[in-house]
């Protein structure tokens, strides 16, 4: 059975192998309104964004930056190397 959770990642195939619905950052930006409606209508239980954060800037890598209209709620941020952190956020309606 396919999950109703959507994962947004630079490497969406890594999550689809595990049975999650997954898309890349470009697909999220192009379909943000549809995804938010699906979350509101309970078609999806949630959308989670996985981003590589550069410690020096505190910002996501350029290819993982988002220009969304929604709010991102921080779930967890952990160090994964001396120069990078992994940030997991939940996409939420404003």
PDB file of N, CA and C in Angstrom:
ATOM      1  N   UNK A   1       0.851  -1.191   0.000  1.00  0.00           N
ATOM      2  CA  UNK A   1       0.000   0.000   0.000  1.00  0.00           C
ATOM      3  C   UNK A   1       0.885   1.238   0.000  1.00  0.00           C
ATOM      4  N   UNK A   2       0.556   2.186  -0.835  1.00  0.00           N
ATOM      5  CA  UNK A   2       1.332   3.408  -0.979  1.00  0.00           C
ATOM      6  C   UNK A   2       1.025   4.383   0.168  1.00  0.00           C
ATOM      7  N   UNK A   3       2.049   5.049   0.628  1.00  0.00           N
ATOM      8  CA  UNK A   3       1.902   6.016   1.710  1.00  0.00           C
ATOM      9  C   UNK A   3       1.178   7.269   1.219  1.00  0.00           C
ATOM     10  N   UNK A   4       0.478   7.939   2.116  1.00  0.00           N
ATOM     11  CA  UNK A   4      -0.166   9.208   1.785  1.00  0.00           C
ATOM     12  C   UNK A   4       0.690  10.382   2.250  1.00  0.00           C
ATOM     13  N   UNK A   5       1.920  10.110   2.614  1.00  0.00           N
ATOM     14  CA  UNK A   5       2.879  11.140   2.968  1.00  0.00           C
ATOM     15  C   UNK A   5       3.702  11.485   1.731  1.00  0.00           C
ATOM     16  N   UNK A   6       3.885  12.782   1.489  1.00  0.00           N
ATOM     17  CA  UNK A   6       4.706  13.230   0.369  1.00  0.00           C
ATOM     18  C   UNK A   6       6.051  13.693   0.917  1.00  0.00           C
ATOM     19  N   UNK A   7       7.119  13.222   0.303  1.00  0.00           N
ATOM     20  CA  UNK A   7       8.466  13.621   0.690  1.00  0.00           C
ATOM     21  C   UNK A   7       9.059  14.454  -0.444  1.00  0.00           C
ATOM     22  N   UNK A   8       9.636  15.602  -0.093  1.00  0.00           N
ATOM     23  CA  UNK A   8      10.291  16.480  -1.065  1.00  0.00           C
ATOM     24  C   UNK A   8      11.789  16.408  -0.794  1.00  0.00           C
ATOM     25  N   UNK A   9      12.539  16.036  -1.815  1.00  0.00           N
ATOM     26  CA  UNK A   9      13.972  15.827  -1.650  1.00  0.00           C
ATOM     27  C   UNK A   9      14.687  16.049  -2.973  1.00  0.00           C
ATOM     28  N   UNK A  10      15.968  16.296  -2.884  1.00  0.00           N
ATOM     29  CA  UNK A  10      16.794  16.391  -4.082  1.00  0.00           C
ATOM     30  C   UNK A  10      16.857  15.022  -4.777  1.00  0.00           C
ATOM     31  N   UNK A  11      16.697  13.955  -4.009  1.00  0.00           N
ATOM     32  CA  UNK A  11      16.744  12.589  -4.524  1.00  0.00           C
ATOM     33  C   UNK A  11      15.445  11.853  -4.205  1.00  0.00           C
ATOM     34  N   UNK A  12      14.336  12.206  -4.876  1.00  0.00           N
ATOM     35  CA  UNK A  12      13.045  11.614  -4.532  1.00  0.00           C
ATOM     36  C   UNK A  12      12.962  10.100  -4.734  1.00  0.00           C
ATOM     37  N   UNK A  13      13.766   9.555  -5.649  1.00  0.00           N
ATOM     38  CA  UNK A  13      13.694   8.107  -5.871  1.00  0.00           C
ATOM     39  C   UNK A  13      14.123   7.314  -4.639  1.00  0.00           C
ATOM     40  N   UNK A  14      14.974   7.893  -3.818  1.00  0.00           N
ATOM     41  CA  UNK A  14      15.398   7.215  -2.594  1.00  0.00           C
ATOM     42  C   UNK A  14      14.213   6.951  -1.670  1.00  0.00           C
ATOM     43  N   UNK A  15      13.233   7.835  -1.671  1.00  0.00           N
ATOM     44  CA  UNK A  15      12.066   7.679  -0.810  1.00  0.00           C
ATOM     45  C   UNK A  15      10.970   6.858  -1.476  1.00  0.00           C
ATOM     46  N   UNK A  16      10.859   6.948  -2.794  1.00  0.00           N
ATOM     47  CA  UNK A  16       9.826   6.173  -3.480  1.00  0.00           C
ATOM     48  C   UNK A  16      10.124   4.677  -3.384  1.00  0.00           C
ATOM     49  N   UNK A  17      11.384   4.318  -3.321  1.00  0.00           N
ATOM     50  CA  UNK A  17      11.761   2.918  -3.123  1.00  0.00           C
ATOM     51  C   UNK A  17      11.193   2.398  -1.804  1.00  0.00           C
ATOM     52  N   UNK A  18      11.100   3.269  -0.821  1.00  0.00           N
ATOM     53  CA  UNK A  18      10.564   2.889   0.497  1.00  0.00           C
ATOM     54  C   UNK A  18       9.038   2.940   0.545  1.00  0.00           C
ATOM     55  N   UNK A  19       8.403   3.315  -0.564  1.00  0.00           N
ATOM     56  CA  UNK A  19       6.945   3.339  -0.624  1.00  0.00           C
ATOM     57  C   UNK A  19       6.310   4.691  -0.376  1.00  0.00           C
ATOM     58  N   UNK A  20       7.125   5.734  -0.234  1.00  0.00           N
ATOM     59  CA  UNK A  20       6.584   7.076  -0.036  1.00  0.00           C
ATOM     60  C   UNK A  20       6.328   7.744  -1.384  1.00  0.00           C
ATOM     61  N   UNK A  21       5.308   8.568  -1.450  1.00  0.00           N
ATOM     62  CA  UNK A  21       5.146   9.451  -2.595  1.00  0.00           C
ATOM     63  C   UNK A  21       6.237  10.502  -2.463  1.00  0.00           C
ATOM     64  N   UNK A  22       6.987  10.739  -3.520  1.00  0.00           N
ATOM     65  CA  UNK A  22       8.097  11.679  -3.381  1.00  0.00           C
ATOM     66  C   UNK A  22       8.285  12.473  -4.667  1.00  0.00           C
ATOM     67  N   UNK A  23       8.711  13.720  -4.472  1.00  0.00           N
ATOM     68  CA  UNK A  23       8.940  14.645  -5.577  1.00  0.00           C
ATOM     69  C   UNK A  23      10.186  15.462  -5.292  1.00  0.00           C
ATOM     70  N   UNK A  24      10.662  16.156  -6.317  1.00  0.00           N
ATOM     71  CA  UNK A  24      11.813  17.034  -6.119  1.00  0.00           C
ATOM     72  C   UNK A  24      11.329  18.463  -5.837  1.00  0.00           C
ATOM     73  N   UNK A  25      12.259  19.367  -5.613  1.00  0.00           N
ATOM     74  CA  UNK A  25      11.921  20.746  -5.245  1.00  0.00           C
ATOM     75  C   UNK A  25      11.194  21.491  -6.361  1.00  0.00           C
ATOM     76  N   UNK A  26      11.606  21.270  -7.598  1.00  0.00           N
ATOM     77  CA  UNK A  26      10.950  21.921  -8.724  1.00  0.00           C
ATOM     78  C   UNK A  26       9.485  21.484  -8.825  1.00  0.00           C
ATOM     79  N   UNK A  27       9.234  20.193  -8.653  1.00  0.00           N
ATOM     80  CA  UNK A  27       7.855  19.691  -8.720  1.00  0.00           C
ATOM     81  C   UNK A  27       7.001  20.279  -7.598  1.00  0.00           C
ATOM     82  N   UNK A  28       7.576  20.481  -6.423  1.00  0.00           N
ATOM     83  CA  UNK A  28       6.823  21.103  -5.325  1.00  0.00           C
ATOM     84  C   UNK A  28       6.424  22.525  -5.701  1.00  0.00           C
ATOM     85  N   UNK A  29       7.369  23.296  -6.215  1.00  0.00           N
ATOM     86  CA  UNK A  29       7.063  24.683  -6.557  1.00  0.00           C
ATOM     87  C   UNK A  29       6.002  24.767  -7.658  1.00  0.00           C
ATOM     88  N   UNK A  30       6.044  23.853  -8.615  1.00  0.00           N
ATOM     89  CA  UNK A  30       5.069  23.859  -9.710  1.00  0.00           C
ATOM     90  C   UNK A  30       3.682  23.391  -9.266  1.00  0.00           C
ATOM     91  N   UNK A  31       3.620  22.566  -8.215  1.00  0.00           N
ATOM     92  CA  UNK A  31       2.352  21.951  -7.787  1.00  0.00           C
ATOM     93  C   UNK A  31       1.973  22.278  -6.349  1.00  0.00           C
ATOM     94  N   UNK A  32       2.543  23.325  -5.806  1.00  0.00           N
ATOM     95  CA  UNK A  32       2.330  23.653  -4.393  1.00  0.00           C
ATOM     96  C   UNK A  32       0.847  23.784  -4.032  1.00  0.00           C
ATOM     97  N   UNK A  33       0.080  24.502  -4.837  1.00  0.00           N
ATOM     98  CA  UNK A  33      -1.344  24.694  -4.528  1.00  0.00           C
ATOM     99  C   UNK A  33      -2.088  23.368  -4.476  1.00  0.00           C
ATOM    100  N   UNK A  34      -1.811  22.487  -5.424  1.00  0.00           N
ATOM    101  CA  UNK A  34      -2.460  21.167  -5.443  1.00  0.00           C
ATOM    102  C   UNK A  34      -2.090  20.341  -4.227  1.00  0.00           C
ATOM    103  N   UNK A  35      -0.820  20.379  -3.858  1.00  0.00           N
ATOM    104  CA  UNK A  35      -0.356  19.601  -2.707  1.00  0.00           C
ATOM    105  C   UNK A  35      -0.983  20.127  -1.427  1.00  0.00           C
ATOM    106  N   UNK A  36      -1.038  21.447  -1.269  1.00  0.00           N
ATOM    107  CA  UNK A  36      -1.653  22.023  -0.066  1.00  0.00           C
ATOM    108  C   UNK A  36      -3.146  21.683   0.003  1.00  0.00           C
ATOM    109  N   UNK A  37      -3.837  21.696  -1.135  1.00  0.00           N
ATOM    110  CA  UNK A  37      -5.250  21.308  -1.156  1.00  0.00           C
ATOM    111  C   UNK A  37      -5.407  19.846  -0.785  1.00  0.00           C
ATOM    112  N   UNK A  38      -4.505  18.996  -1.251  1.00  0.00           N
ATOM    113  CA  UNK A  38      -4.561  17.566  -0.931  1.00  0.00           C
ATOM    114  C   UNK A  38      -4.320  17.322   0.558  1.00  0.00           C
ATOM    115  N   UNK A  39      -3.460  18.114   1.167  1.00  0.00           N
ATOM    116  CA  UNK A  39      -3.226  17.990   2.612  1.00  0.00           C
ATOM    117  C   UNK A  39      -4.460  18.461   3.370  1.00  0.00           C
ATOM    118  N   UNK A  40      -4.999  19.595   2.967  1.00  0.00           N
ATOM    119  CA  UNK A  40      -6.197  20.126   3.620  1.00  0.00           C
ATOM    120  C   UNK A  40      -7.380  19.167   3.476  1.00  0.00           C
ATOM    121  N   UNK A  41      -7.516  18.542   2.309  1.00  0.00           N
ATOM    122  CA  UNK A  41      -8.614  17.605   2.056  1.00  0.00           C
ATOM    123  C   UNK A  41      -8.340  16.202   2.564  1.00  0.00           C
ATOM    124  N   UNK A  42      -7.202  15.996   3.230  1.00  0.00           N
ATOM    125  CA  UNK A  42      -6.821  14.712   3.833  1.00  0.00           C
ATOM    126  C   UNK A  42      -6.460  13.631   2.811  1.00  0.00           C
ATOM    127  N   UNK A  43      -6.236  14.017   1.538  1.00  0.00           N
ATOM    128  CA  UNK A  43      -5.740  13.059   0.549  1.00  0.00           C
ATOM    129  C   UNK A  43      -4.318  12.661   0.923  1.00  0.00           C
ATOM    130  N   UNK A  44      -3.527  13.648   1.350  1.00  0.00           N
ATOM    131  CA  UNK A  44      -2.191  13.408   1.886  1.00  0.00           C
ATOM    132  C   UNK A  44      -2.217  13.700   3.379  1.00  0.00           C
ATOM    133  N   UNK A  45      -1.480  12.901   4.137  1.00  0.00           N
ATOM    134  CA  UNK A  45      -1.400  13.151   5.579  1.00  0.00           C
ATOM    135  C   UNK A  45      -0.373  14.232   5.896  1.00  0.00           C
ATOM    136  N   UNK A  46       0.523  14.498   4.957  1.00  0.00           N
ATOM    137  CA  UNK A  46       1.513  15.548   5.175  1.00  0.00           C
ATOM    138  C   UNK A  46       2.550  15.565   4.078  1.00  0.00           C
ATOM    139  N   UNK A  47       3.316  16.648   4.046  1.00  0.00           N
ATOM    140  CA  UNK A  47       4.426  16.795   3.103  1.00  0.00           C
ATOM    141  C   UNK A  47       5.647  17.225   3.903  1.00  0.00           C
ATOM    142  N   UNK A  48       6.723  16.473   3.754  1.00  0.00           N
ATOM    143  CA  UNK A  48       7.942  16.713   4.515  1.00  0.00           C
ATOM    144  C   UNK A  48       9.088  17.022   3.576  1.00  0.00           C
ATOM    145  N   UNK A  49       9.839  18.076   3.915  1.00  0.00           N
ATOM    146  CA  UNK A  49      10.913  18.577   3.070  1.00  0.00           C
ATOM    147  C   UNK A  49      12.246  18.215   3.713  1.00  0.00           C
ATOM    148  N   UNK A  50      13.126  17.556   2.955  1.00  0.00           N
ATOM    149  CA  UNK A  50      14.469  17.209   3.409  1.00  0.00           C
ATOM    150  C   UNK A  50      15.451  18.112   2.681  1.00  0.00           C
ATOM    151  N   UNK A  51      16.205  18.925   3.453  1.00  0.00           N
ATOM    152  CA  UNK A  51      17.133  19.879   2.846  1.00  0.00           C
ATOM    153  C   UNK A  51      18.521  19.747   3.450  1.00  0.00           C
ATOM    154  N   UNK A  52      19.533  19.924   2.608  1.00  0.00           N
ATOM    155  CA  UNK A  52      20.930  19.974   3.025  1.00  0.00           C
ATOM    156  C   UNK A  52      21.235  21.436   3.340  1.00  0.00           C
ATOM    157  N   UNK A  53      21.597  21.714   4.578  1.00  0.00           N
ATOM    158  CA  UNK A  53      21.851  23.084   5.038  1.00  0.00           C
ATOM    159  C   UNK A  53      23.352  23.313   5.174  1.00  0.00           C
ATOM    160  N   UNK A  54      23.844  24.367   4.573  1.00  0.00           N
ATOM    161  CA  UNK A  54      25.255  24.722   4.729  1.00  0.00           C
ATOM    162  C   UNK A  54      25.431  25.457   6.058  1.00  0.00           C
ATOM    163  N   UNK A  55      26.299  24.934   6.915  1.00  0.00           N
ATOM    164  CA  UNK A  55      26.475  25.523   8.254  1.00  0.00           C
ATOM    165  C   UNK A  55      26.969  26.967   8.195  1.00  0.00           C
ATOM    166  N   UNK A  56      27.811  27.288   7.230  1.00  0.00           N
ATOM    167  CA  UNK A  56      28.375  28.644   7.140  1.00  0.00           C
ATOM    168  C   UNK A  56      27.277  29.684   6.931  1.00  0.00           C
ATOM    169  N   UNK A  57      26.319  29.387   6.064  1.00  0.00           N
ATOM    170  CA  UNK A  57      25.263  30.350   5.747  1.00  0.00           C
ATOM    171  C   UNK A  57      23.979  30.096   6.546  1.00  0.00           C
ATOM    172  N   UNK A  58      23.793  28.860   6.998  1.00  0.00           N
ATOM    173  CA  UNK A  58      22.549  28.508   7.676  1.00  0.00           C
ATOM    174  C   UNK A  58      21.381  28.367   6.714  1.00  0.00           C
ATOM    175  N   UNK A  59      21.694  28.321   5.415  1.00  0.00           N
ATOM    176  CA  UNK A  59      20.656  28.254   4.383  1.00  0.00           C
ATOM    177  C   UNK A  59      20.788  26.957   3.587  1.00  0.00           C
ATOM    178  N   UNK A  60      19.682  26.545   2.955  1.00  0.00           N
ATOM    179  CA  UNK A  60      19.757  25.358   2.093  1.00  0.00           C
ATOM    180  C   UNK A  60      20.657  25.616   0.891  1.00  0.00           C
ATOM    181  N   UNK A  61      21.169  24.524   0.334  1.00  0.00           N
ATOM    182  CA  UNK A  61      21.909  24.640  -0.915  1.00  0.00           C
ATOM    183  C   UNK A  61      20.995  25.277  -1.954  1.00  0.00           C
ATOM    184  N   UNK A  62      21.567  25.939  -2.941  1.00  0.00           N
ATOM    185  CA  UNK A  62      20.801  26.673  -3.951  1.00  0.00           C
ATOM    186  C   UNK A  62      19.751  25.782  -4.607  1.00  0.00           C
ATOM    187  N   UNK A  63      20.117  24.564  -4.990  1.00  0.00           N
ATOM    188  CA  UNK A  63      19.183  23.670  -5.682  1.00  0.00           C
ATOM    189  C   UNK A  63      18.097  23.117  -4.761  1.00  0.00           C
ATOM    190  N   UNK A  64      18.213  23.378  -3.450  1.00  0.00           N
ATOM    191  CA  UNK A  64      17.214  22.916  -2.493  1.00  0.00           C
ATOM    192  C   UNK A  64      16.456  24.066  -1.836  1.00  0.00           C
ATOM    193  N   UNK A  65      16.654  25.276  -2.335  1.00  0.00           N
ATOM    194  CA  UNK A  65      15.920  26.437  -1.815  1.00  0.00           C
ATOM    195  C   UNK A  65      14.490  26.382  -2.330  1.00  0.00           C
ATOM    196  N   UNK A  66      13.583  26.932  -1.547  1.00  0.00           N
ATOM    197  CA  UNK A  66      12.165  26.931  -1.913  1.00  0.00           C
ATOM    198  C   UNK A  66      11.606  28.334  -1.951  1.00  0.00           C
ATOM    199  N   UNK A  67      10.734  28.566  -2.903  1.00  0.00           N
ATOM    200  CA  UNK A  67       9.990  29.818  -2.979  1.00  0.00           C
ATOM    201  C   UNK A  67       8.520  29.453  -2.828  1.00  0.00           C
ATOM    202  N   UNK A  68       8.160  28.939  -1.658  1.00  0.00           N
ATOM    203  CA  UNK A  68       6.781  28.504  -1.432  1.00  0.00           C
ATOM    204  C   UNK A  68       5.977  29.605  -0.763  1.00  0.00           C
ATOM    205  N   UNK A  69       4.659  29.478  -0.885  1.00  0.00           N
ATOM    206  CA  UNK A  69       3.758  30.404  -0.206  1.00  0.00           C
ATOM    207  C   UNK A  69       3.329  29.832   1.128  1.00  0.00           C
ATOM    208  N   UNK A  70       3.677  28.601   1.377  1.00  0.00           N
ATOM    209  CA  UNK A  70       3.281  27.922   2.602  1.00  0.00           C
ATOM    210  C   UNK A  70       4.315  28.163   3.693  1.00  0.00           C
ATOM    211  N   UNK A  71       3.977  27.741   4.872  1.00  0.00           N
ATOM    212  CA  UNK A  71       4.854  27.841   6.032  1.00  0.00           C
ATOM    213  C   UNK A  71       5.560  26.506   6.209  1.00  0.00           C
ATOM    214  N   UNK A  72       6.861  26.534   6.505  1.00  0.00           N
ATOM    215  CA  UNK A  72       7.603  25.315   6.805  1.00  0.00           C
ATOM    216  C   UNK A  72       7.833  25.236   8.307  1.00  0.00           C
ATOM    217  N   UNK A  73       7.303  24.193   8.916  1.00  0.00           N
ATOM    218  CA  UNK A  73       7.492  23.972  10.356  1.00  0.00           C
ATOM    219  C   UNK A  73       8.667  23.032  10.550  1.00  0.00           C
ATOM    220  N   UNK A  74       9.682  23.494  11.267  1.00  0.00           N
ATOM    221  CA  UNK A  74      10.873  22.691  11.506  1.00  0.00           C
ATOM    222  C   UNK A  74      10.526  21.469  12.354  1.00  0.00           C
ATOM    223  N   UNK A  75      10.898  20.294  11.866  1.00  0.00           N
ATOM    224  CA  UNK A  75      10.726  19.057  12.621  1.00  0.00           C
ATOM    225  C   UNK A  75      12.028  18.699  13.324  1.00  0.00           C
ATOM    226  N   UNK A  76      13.136  18.713  12.562  1.00  0.00           N
ATOM    227  CA  UNK A  76      14.432  18.327  13.131  1.00  0.00           C
ATOM    228  C   UNK A  76      15.546  18.878  12.255  1.00  0.00           C
ATOM    229  N   UNK A  77      16.635  19.257  12.892  1.00  0.00           N
ATOM    230  CA  UNK A  77      17.839  19.667  12.161  1.00  0.00           C
ATOM    231  C   UNK A  77      19.027  19.078  12.893  1.00  0.00           C
ATOM    232  N   UNK A  78      19.839  18.287  12.179  1.00  0.00           N
ATOM    233  CA  UNK A  78      20.979  17.601  12.792  1.00  0.00           C
ATOM    234  C   UNK A  78      22.221  17.750  11.929  1.00  0.00           C
ATOM    235  N   UNK A  79      23.359  17.731  12.574  1.00  0.00           N
ATOM    236  CA  UNK A  79      24.637  17.808  11.874  1.00  0.00           C
ATOM    237  C   UNK A  79      24.911  16.465  11.184  1.00  0.00           C
ATOM    238  N   UNK A  80      25.295  16.537   9.906  1.00  0.00           N
ATOM    239  CA  UNK A  80      25.625  15.311   9.173  1.00  0.00           C
ATOM    240  C   UNK A  80      27.081  15.302   8.697  1.00  0.00           C
ATOM    241  N   UNK A  81      27.760  16.431   8.825  1.00  0.00           N
ATOM    242  CA  UNK A  81      29.179  16.535   8.485  1.00  0.00           C
ATOM    243  C   UNK A  81      29.692  17.837   9.104  1.00  0.00           C
ATOM    244  N   UNK A  82      31.000  18.064   9.058  1.00  0.00           N
ATOM    245  CA  UNK A  82      31.520  19.322   9.604  1.00  0.00           C
ATOM    246  C   UNK A  82      30.967  20.572   8.917  1.00  0.00           C
ATOM    247  N   UNK A  83      30.491  20.440   7.658  1.00  0.00           N
ATOM    248  CA  UNK A  83      30.019  21.609   6.909  1.00  0.00           C
ATOM    249  C   UNK A  83      28.528  21.614   6.613  1.00  0.00           C
ATOM    250  N   UNK A  84      27.820  20.513   6.934  1.00  0.00           N
ATOM    251  CA  UNK A  84      26.413  20.408   6.535  1.00  0.00           C
ATOM    252  C   UNK A  84      25.520  19.865   7.645  1.00  0.00           C
ATOM    253  N   UNK A  85      24.266  20.280   7.579  1.00  0.00           N
ATOM    254  CA  UNK A  85      23.225  19.767   8.466  1.00  0.00           C
ATOM    255  C   UNK A  85      22.068  19.281   7.611  1.00  0.00           C
ATOM    256  N   UNK A  86      21.287  18.370   8.141  1.00  0.00           N
ATOM    257  CA  UNK A  86      20.072  17.906   7.489  1.00  0.00           C
ATOM    258  C   UNK A  86      18.895  18.555   8.196  1.00  0.00           C
ATOM    259  N   UNK A  87      18.034  19.221   7.427  1.00  0.00           N
ATOM    260  CA  UNK A  87      16.836  19.859   7.982  1.00  0.00           C
ATOM    261  C   UNK A  87      15.608  19.130   7.442  1.00  0.00           C
ATOM    262  N   UNK A  88      14.720  18.748   8.346  1.00  0.00           N
ATOM    263  CA  UNK A  88      13.450  18.140   7.968  1.00  0.00           C
ATOM    264  C   UNK A  88      12.359  19.087   8.434  1.00  0.00           C
ATOM    265  N   UNK A  89      11.526  19.520   7.485  1.00  0.00           N
ATOM    266  CA  UNK A  89      10.442  20.452   7.778  1.00  0.00           C
ATOM    267  C   UNK A  89       9.135  19.895   7.248  1.00  0.00           C
ATOM    268  N   UNK A  90       8.039  20.372   7.839  1.00  0.00           N
ATOM    269  CA  UNK A  90       6.710  19.977   7.384  1.00  0.00           C
ATOM    270  C   UNK A  90       6.053  21.158   6.668  1.00  0.00           C
ATOM    271  N   UNK A  91       5.521  20.909   5.485  1.00  0.00           N
ATOM    272  CA  UNK A  91       4.822  21.933   4.719  1.00  0.00           C
ATOM    273  C   UNK A  91       3.428  22.129   5.313  1.00  0.00           C
ATOM    274  N   UNK A  92       3.083  23.375   5.626  1.00  0.00           N
ATOM    275  CA  UNK A  92       1.783  23.661   6.226  1.00  0.00           C
ATOM    276  C   UNK A  92       1.152  24.866   5.551  1.00  0.00           C
ATOM    277  N   UNK A  93      -0.189  24.873   5.527  1.00  0.00           N
ATOM    278  CA  UNK A  93      -0.918  26.039   5.025  1.00  0.00           C
ATOM    279  C   UNK A  93      -0.716  27.209   5.969  1.00  0.00           C
ATOM    280  N   UNK A  94      -0.786  28.400   5.442  1.00  0.00           N
ATOM    281  CA  UNK A  94      -0.689  29.614   6.299  1.00  0.00           C
ATOM    282  C   UNK A  94      -1.955  29.834   7.072  1.00  0.00           C
TER     283      UNK A  94
END
